[in-house]
Amino acid sequence: MPKLEDVLKEALVLDESERAELAERLLASLAAPRGDGPLDEAGIERLWIAEAQRRLEDYHAGKSVAVAAAQVHAKAEKLLR
């Protein structure tokens, strides 16, 4: 089994489009834990719904705090400058 650092070193030599495809495939492998291939649109939607529900539960349990959209946009603008 190759070591992570070796794989990373080889991946960084790929051109941008190949790295993007590799990243998509790796993310798809995480999203499909049964190993049955990439998720379809409905599967992705189910994952987002589950994530939104988890975040809402965290908010109601006091594990996270709400941030005003204007504050988020201002911070994003500042980071993108």
C-alpha atoms as a PDB file:
ATOM      1  CA  MET A   1       0.000   0.000   0.000  1.00  0.00           C
ATOM      2  CA  PRO A   2       1.536   3.356  -1.005  1.00  0.00           C
ATOM      3  CA  LYS A   3       2.105   5.979   1.654  1.00  0.00           C
ATOM      4  CA  LEU A   4      -0.041   9.099   1.720  1.00  0.00           C
ATOM      5  CA  GLU A   5       2.916  11.434   1.189  1.00  0.00           C
ATOM      6  CA  ASP A   6       4.027   9.469  -1.889  1.00  0.00           C
ATOM      7  CA  VAL A   7       0.530   9.575  -3.368  1.00  0.00           C
ATOM      8  CA  LEU A   8       0.264  13.298  -2.638  1.00  0.00           C
ATOM      9  CA  LYS A   9       3.622  14.017  -4.249  1.00  0.00           C
ATOM     10  CA  GLU A  10       2.516  12.206  -7.408  1.00  0.00           C
ATOM     11  CA  ALA A  11      -0.915  13.856  -7.421  1.00  0.00           C
ATOM     12  CA  LEU A  12       0.563  17.359  -7.213  1.00  0.00           C
ATOM     13  CA  VAL A  13       2.409  16.747 -10.494  1.00  0.00           C
ATOM     14  CA  LEU A  14      -0.902  16.278 -12.344  1.00  0.00           C
ATOM     15  CA  ASP A  15      -2.319  19.183 -14.286  1.00  0.00           C
ATOM     16  CA  GLU A  16      -5.192  21.172 -12.807  1.00  0.00           C
ATOM     17  CA  SER A  17      -8.017  19.294 -14.532  1.00  0.00           C
ATOM     18  CA  GLU A  18      -6.569  15.914 -13.526  1.00  0.00           C
ATOM     19  CA  ARG A  19      -6.204  17.072  -9.896  1.00  0.00           C
ATOM     20  CA  ALA A  20      -9.825  18.292  -9.952  1.00  0.00           C
ATOM     21  CA  GLU A  21     -11.009  14.927 -11.270  1.00  0.00           C
ATOM     22  CA  LEU A  22      -8.955  13.109  -8.634  1.00  0.00           C
ATOM     23  CA  ALA A  23     -10.434  15.311  -5.900  1.00  0.00           C
ATOM     24  CA  GLU A  24     -13.971  14.631  -7.148  1.00  0.00           C
ATOM     25  CA  ARG A  25     -13.351  10.891  -7.177  1.00  0.00           C
ATOM     26  CA  LEU A  26     -11.867  10.947  -3.676  1.00  0.00           C
ATOM     27  CA  LEU A  27     -14.788  12.957  -2.322  1.00  0.00           C
ATOM     28  CA  ALA A  28     -17.253  10.641  -4.025  1.00  0.00           C
ATOM     29  CA  SER A  29     -15.553   7.681  -2.372  1.00  0.00           C
ATOM     30  CA  LEU A  30     -16.130   9.316   1.024  1.00  0.00           C
ATOM     31  CA  ALA A  31     -19.744  10.093   0.211  1.00  0.00           C
ATOM     32  CA  ALA A  32     -20.421   6.493  -0.837  1.00  0.00           C
ATOM     33  CA  PRO A  33     -19.199   4.525   2.206  1.00  0.00           C
ATOM     34  CA  ARG A  34     -20.519   1.195   0.916  1.00  0.00           C
ATOM     35  CA  GLY A  35     -18.101   1.436  -1.987  1.00  0.00           C
ATOM     36  CA  ASP A  36     -20.903   1.228  -4.531  1.00  0.00           C
ATOM     37  CA  GLY A  37     -19.625   4.092  -6.649  1.00  0.00           C
ATOM     38  CA  PRO A  38     -20.421   7.769  -6.879  1.00  0.00           C
ATOM     39  CA  LEU A  39     -23.696   9.082  -5.556  1.00  0.00           C
ATOM     40  CA  ASP A  40     -26.427  10.199  -7.893  1.00  0.00           C
ATOM     41  CA  GLU A  41     -28.186  13.526  -7.493  1.00  0.00           C
ATOM     42  CA  ALA A  42     -30.795  12.078  -5.132  1.00  0.00           C
ATOM     43  CA  GLY A  43     -28.078  10.558  -2.955  1.00  0.00           C
ATOM     44  CA  ILE A  44     -26.243  13.857  -2.750  1.00  0.00           C
ATOM     45  CA  GLU A  45     -29.481  15.619  -1.835  1.00  0.00           C
ATOM     46  CA  ARG A  46     -30.100  13.086   0.973  1.00  0.00           C
ATOM     47  CA  LEU A  47     -26.600  13.764   2.328  1.00  0.00           C
ATOM     48  CA  TRP A  48     -27.201  17.533   2.310  1.00  0.00           C
ATOM     49  CA  ILE A  49     -30.551  17.112   4.055  1.00  0.00           C
ATOM     50  CA  ALA A  50     -28.923  14.953   6.732  1.00  0.00           C
ATOM     51  CA  GLU A  51     -26.156  17.551   7.155  1.00  0.00           C
ATOM     52  CA  ALA A  52     -28.677  20.402   7.449  1.00  0.00           C
ATOM     53  CA  GLN A  53     -30.624  18.439  10.070  1.00  0.00           C
ATOM     54  CA  ARG A  54     -27.433  17.732  12.019  1.00  0.00           C
ATOM     55  CA  ARG A  55     -26.498  21.412  11.966  1.00  0.00           C
ATOM     56  CA  LEU A  56     -29.973  22.457  13.106  1.00  0.00           C
ATOM     57  CA  GLU A  57     -29.832  19.953  15.975  1.00  0.00           C
ATOM     58  CA  ASP A  58     -26.401  21.314  16.961  1.00  0.00           C
ATOM     59  CA  TYR A  59     -27.825  24.844  16.932  1.00  0.00           C
ATOM     60  CA  HIS A  60     -30.826  23.889  19.091  1.00  0.00           C
ATOM     61  CA  ALA A  61     -28.521  22.024  21.494  1.00  0.00           C
ATOM     62  CA  GLY A  62     -26.293  25.101  21.858  1.00  0.00           C
ATOM     63  CA  LYS A  63     -23.328  23.441  20.147  1.00  0.00           C
ATOM     64  CA  SER A  64     -23.176  26.130  17.463  1.00  0.00           C
ATOM     65  CA  VAL A  65     -24.222  29.739  17.097  1.00  0.00           C
ATOM     66  CA  ALA A  66     -25.990  31.625  14.339  1.00  0.00           C
ATOM     67  CA  VAL A  67     -24.093  34.261  12.373  1.00  0.00           C
ATOM     68  CA  ALA A  68     -25.899  36.974  10.439  1.00  0.00           C
ATOM     69  CA  ALA A  69     -25.676  36.596   6.665  1.00  0.00           C
ATOM     70  CA  ALA A  70     -24.387  40.166   6.337  1.00  0.00           C
ATOM     71  CA  GLN A  71     -21.515  39.319   8.683  1.00  0.00           C
ATOM     72  CA  VAL A  72     -20.657  36.183   6.692  1.00  0.00           C
ATOM     73  CA  HIS A  73     -20.739  38.122   3.398  1.00  0.00           C
ATOM     74  CA  ALA A  74     -18.537  40.884   4.825  1.00  0.00           C
ATOM     75  CA  LYS A  75     -15.976  38.356   6.017  1.00  0.00           C
ATOM     76  CA  ALA A  76     -16.029  36.566   2.639  1.00  0.00           C
ATOM     77  CA  GLU A  77     -15.534  39.865   0.808  1.00  0.00           C
ATOM     78  CA  LYS A  78     -12.599  40.705   3.045  1.00  0.00           C
ATOM     79  CA  LEU A  79     -10.990  37.302   2.476  1.00  0.00           C
ATOM     80  CA  LEU A  80     -11.413  37.535  -1.298  1.00  0.00           C
ATOM     81  CA  ARG A  81      -9.703  40.911  -1.600  1.00  0.00           C
END
